Protein backbone atom coordinates (compact mmCIF):
# COMPACT_ATOMS: atom_id res chain seq x y z
CA MET A 1 0.00 0.00 0.00
CA GLU A 2 1.29 3.47 -0.87
CA LEU A 3 1.64 6.21 1.74
CA ALA A 4 -1.30 8.14 0.25
CA GLN A 5 -3.49 5.06 0.61
CA LEU A 6 -2.34 4.55 4.19
CA SER A 7 -3.13 8.19 4.90
CA ASP A 8 -6.60 7.82 3.37
CA ARG A 9 -7.22 4.73 5.50
CA ALA A 10 -6.05 6.55 8.65
CA MET A 11 -8.47 9.39 7.89
CA GLN A 12 -11.33 6.90 7.38
CA VAL A 13 -10.68 5.55 10.87
CA HIS A 14 -10.41 9.12 12.20
CA ALA A 15 -13.80 9.91 10.65
CA ALA A 16 -15.28 6.75 12.16
CA PHE A 17 -14.04 7.83 15.62
CA ALA A 18 -15.58 11.27 15.08
CA ALA A 19 -18.91 9.73 14.05
CA ALA A 20 -18.88 7.43 17.09
CA ALA A 21 -18.22 10.41 19.36
CA THR A 22 -21.16 12.27 17.83
CA ARG A 23 -23.44 9.28 18.38
CA ARG A 24 -22.39 9.25 22.05
CA GLY A 25 -23.23 12.96 22.32
CA ALA A 26 -19.59 14.01 22.42
CA ARG A 27 -17.56 16.00 19.91
CA ALA A 28 -14.76 14.85 17.65
CA TRP A 29 -11.24 15.38 18.89
CA THR A 30 -9.43 18.54 17.82
CA ARG A 31 -6.02 18.41 16.21
CA GLU A 32 -4.52 19.22 19.58
CA GLU A 33 -6.37 16.33 21.22
CA VAL A 34 -5.15 13.96 18.52
CA MET A 35 -1.65 15.19 19.39
CA GLN A 36 -2.30 14.56 23.10
CA GLY A 37 -3.35 11.01 22.23
CA PHE A 38 -0.16 10.61 20.22
CA VAL A 39 1.96 11.73 23.16
CA GLY A 40 0.23 9.09 25.31
CA ASP A 41 0.93 6.47 22.65
CA VAL A 42 4.60 7.49 22.55
CA GLY A 43 4.74 6.98 26.32
CA ASP A 44 3.23 3.53 25.90
CA LEU A 45 5.73 2.83 23.12
CA MET A 46 8.60 3.80 25.42
CA LYS A 47 7.43 1.31 28.05
CA LEU A 48 7.33 -1.40 25.41
CA VAL A 49 10.81 -0.50 24.14
CA MET A 50 12.06 -0.77 27.70
CA ALA A 51 10.34 -4.15 28.05
CA ARG A 52 11.87 -5.31 24.78
CA ALA A 53 15.29 -4.33 26.17
CA GLY A 54 14.61 -6.38 29.31
CA ALA A 55 14.12 -3.42 31.68
CA ARG A 56 10.52 -4.28 32.58
CA PRO A 57 8.27 -7.31 32.26
CA ILE A 58 5.41 -7.06 29.77
CA ALA A 59 3.72 -10.15 28.35
CA ASP A 60 3.43 -10.44 24.55
CA VAL A 61 5.82 -7.51 24.15
CA GLU A 62 6.50 -8.17 20.43
CA ALA A 63 2.83 -7.99 19.46
CA LYS A 64 2.21 -5.00 21.71
CA LEU A 65 5.25 -3.19 20.31
CA ALA A 66 4.04 -3.72 16.75
CA HIS A 67 0.55 -2.51 17.70
CA GLU A 68 1.85 0.62 19.44
CA LEU A 69 4.12 1.49 16.51
CA SER A 70 1.03 1.24 14.30
CA ASP A 71 -0.94 3.48 16.67
CA CYS A 72 1.84 6.07 16.53
CA PHE A 73 2.01 5.84 12.74
CA TRP A 74 -1.77 6.37 12.57
CA SER A 75 -1.43 9.52 14.67
CA ILE A 76 1.35 10.87 12.46
CA LEU A 77 -0.67 10.22 9.30
CA VAL A 78 -3.77 11.89 10.77
CA LEU A 79 -1.86 14.86 12.16
CA ALA A 80 -0.11 15.41 8.83
CA ARG A 81 -3.45 15.44 7.05
CA LEU A 82 -5.12 17.67 9.66
CA TYR A 83 -2.24 20.17 9.43
CA GLN A 84 -2.12 19.88 5.62
CA VAL A 85 1.47 18.63 5.56
CA ASP A 86 2.65 16.74 2.49
CA LEU A 87 4.19 14.00 4.59
CA GLU A 88 5.61 12.04 1.68
CA GLY A 89 7.22 15.09 0.09
CA GLU A 90 8.52 16.40 3.39
CA PHE A 91 9.92 12.99 4.33
CA LEU A 92 11.81 12.79 1.03
CA ARG A 93 13.15 16.36 1.46
CA THR A 94 14.23 15.62 5.03
CA MET A 95 15.98 12.38 4.05
CA ALA A 96 17.78 14.15 1.19
CA GLY A 97 18.92 16.86 3.61
CA LEU A 98 20.16 14.30 6.12
CA GLU A 99 22.04 12.43 3.40
CA ALA A 100 23.59 15.65 2.12
CA ALA A 101 24.70 16.56 5.64
CA GLN A 102 26.37 13.15 6.00
CA ALA A 103 28.15 13.53 2.66
CA ALA A 104 29.45 17.03 3.43
CA PRO A 105 33.06 17.31 4.55
CA PRO A 106 33.52 17.92 8.29
CA PRO A 107 34.00 21.53 9.35
CA ALA A 108 37.60 22.66 9.56
């Protein structure tokens, strides 16, 4: 699946969450609330990374790590769309800049 298709799928799920909130009498999350959720997911991801490194016991750590990485990726895709960021284009520009910085001679 291409990044644009993944982004479309992430937004479909985002829309489904918004519709479910409306049915419950709540409102859809704002961009800032999506970001707050992402920060929570990153915290969960850190705990799983620590577990994977042997620093804490968590059952089924491999499956949970994969799931949390997917949650974080979903948040990034949704946030990029909500903030109208061309994630694919920006990623390619950023990688090119990083590669160019690595290829540059060290400062004298």
